[in-house]
Amino acid sequence: MKKVLAPAGDVVNGPHAVDSTTPVWFVLGEAYVTDNNPHLTYFQRAGYVIQADATAPAEYNAAVARMQDMETRNYPRSPSVPLQDAAQPGEPLRNYWP
């Protein structure tokens, strides 16, 4: 397992790469990922610090579990009204929401 630290000065908290099947969960700028996590290459290029042979502390795991629980209770989200473009006066609105 590897520890990923956000670049100095960056405040990173919550899921990263949420569109991925393996999102990375940051807690106050710190995340723990498997050694073969597909996002490690990006983190290295973007200036994150990668530390090898790390173990996620219980506090980190508890914080991630709380965030994941909040996410599942709040999603799926949908807009309260369909997304529309800015039609000119007298023009019908074009609805882009399925």
Protein backbone atom coordinates (compact mmCIF):
# COMPACT_ATOMS: atom_id res chain seq x y z
CA MET A 1 0.00 0.00 0.00
CA LYS A 2 1.16 3.54 -0.76
CA LYS A 3 0.46 6.82 0.97
CA VAL A 4 -0.33 9.76 -1.31
CA LEU A 5 0.14 13.29 0.03
CA ALA A 6 -1.30 16.32 -1.75
CA PRO A 7 1.19 18.96 -2.90
CA ALA A 8 2.10 21.51 -0.25
CA GLY A 9 -0.63 24.09 0.15
CA ASP A 10 -3.32 22.08 -1.61
CA VAL A 11 -6.42 21.23 0.38
CA VAL A 12 -7.66 17.89 -0.88
CA ASN A 13 -10.52 16.17 0.90
CA GLY A 14 -12.97 13.64 -0.50
CA PRO A 15 -13.03 11.43 -3.58
CA HIS A 16 -10.62 11.90 -6.47
CA ALA A 17 -11.41 10.45 -9.91
CA VAL A 18 -15.02 9.75 -9.00
CA ASP A 19 -15.79 8.67 -12.56
CA SER A 20 -13.35 5.80 -12.13
CA THR A 21 -14.11 2.34 -10.81
CA THR A 22 -11.35 2.92 -8.24
CA PRO A 23 -11.80 6.41 -6.76
CA VAL A 24 -9.10 7.61 -4.38
CA TRP A 25 -10.38 9.03 -1.09
CA PHE A 26 -8.41 11.88 0.44
CA VAL A 27 -8.73 12.88 4.08
CA LEU A 28 -7.12 16.26 4.72
CA GLY A 29 -4.61 15.86 1.90
CA GLU A 30 -3.73 12.23 2.59
CA ALA A 31 -4.84 9.04 0.83
CA TYR A 32 -3.86 5.39 0.87
CA VAL A 33 -3.96 3.30 -2.30
CA THR A 34 -2.90 -0.13 -3.45
CA ASP A 35 0.52 -0.50 -5.05
CA ASN A 36 -1.01 -0.96 -8.51
CA ASN A 37 -3.61 1.83 -8.34
CA PRO A 38 -4.09 3.27 -11.85
CA HIS A 39 -4.01 6.87 -10.58
CA LEU A 40 -0.47 6.70 -9.16
CA THR A 41 1.07 7.86 -12.46
CA TYR A 42 -1.11 10.96 -12.44
CA PHE A 43 -0.28 11.72 -8.82
CA GLN A 44 3.45 11.51 -9.53
CA ARG A 45 3.17 13.82 -12.55
CA ALA A 46 0.99 16.32 -10.66
CA GLY A 47 3.44 16.77 -7.77
CA TYR A 48 1.85 14.57 -5.14
CA VAL A 49 4.25 12.85 -2.74
CA ILE A 50 4.12 9.04 -2.89
CA GLN A 51 5.37 7.08 0.12
CA ALA A 52 5.82 3.32 -0.13
CA ASP A 53 5.01 0.65 2.45
CA ALA A 54 2.31 2.63 4.25
CA THR A 55 -0.63 1.37 6.26
CA ALA A 56 -3.88 3.29 6.51
CA PRO A 57 -4.62 4.25 10.12
CA ALA A 58 -8.01 3.46 11.63
CA GLU A 59 -8.93 7.18 11.73
CA TYR A 60 -8.41 7.43 7.97
CA ASN A 61 -10.55 4.35 7.30
CA ALA A 62 -13.31 5.68 9.56
CA ALA A 63 -13.30 9.09 7.82
CA VAL A 64 -13.48 7.47 4.37
CA ALA A 65 -16.36 5.24 5.51
CA ARG A 66 -18.25 8.34 6.73
CA MET A 67 -17.69 10.14 3.40
CA GLN A 68 -18.77 7.09 1.41
CA ASP A 69 -21.90 6.78 3.56
CA MET A 70 -22.75 10.44 2.92
CA GLU A 71 -22.20 9.94 -0.80
CA THR A 72 -24.52 6.95 -1.07
CA ARG A 73 -27.25 8.76 0.86
CA ASN A 74 -27.01 11.90 -1.30
CA TYR A 75 -26.69 10.32 -4.75
CA PRO A 76 -27.88 9.96 -7.39
CA ARG A 77 -28.43 13.65 -7.71
CA SER A 78 -30.52 15.16 -10.43
CA PRO A 79 -31.21 18.79 -11.17
CA SER A 80 -34.49 20.20 -9.88
CA VAL A 81 -35.32 21.38 -13.41
CA PRO A 82 -34.14 20.06 -16.76
CA LEU A 83 -31.01 21.67 -18.19
CA GLN A 84 -31.96 24.25 -20.81
CA ASP A 85 -30.05 26.57 -23.08
CA ALA A 86 -30.50 30.33 -23.26
CA ALA A 87 -33.16 30.64 -25.94
CA GLN A 88 -33.92 34.02 -27.43
CA PRO A 89 -37.26 35.66 -26.58
CA GLY A 90 -40.04 33.96 -28.55
CA GLU A 91 -37.88 30.90 -29.24
CA PRO A 92 -38.83 27.58 -27.66
CA LEU A 93 -36.51 26.27 -24.96
CA ARG A 94 -34.38 23.34 -26.05
CA ASN A 95 -34.24 20.69 -23.36
CA TYR A 96 -30.90 18.85 -23.07
CA TRP A 97 -31.84 16.68 -20.11
CA PRO A 98 -32.95 13.17 -21.11
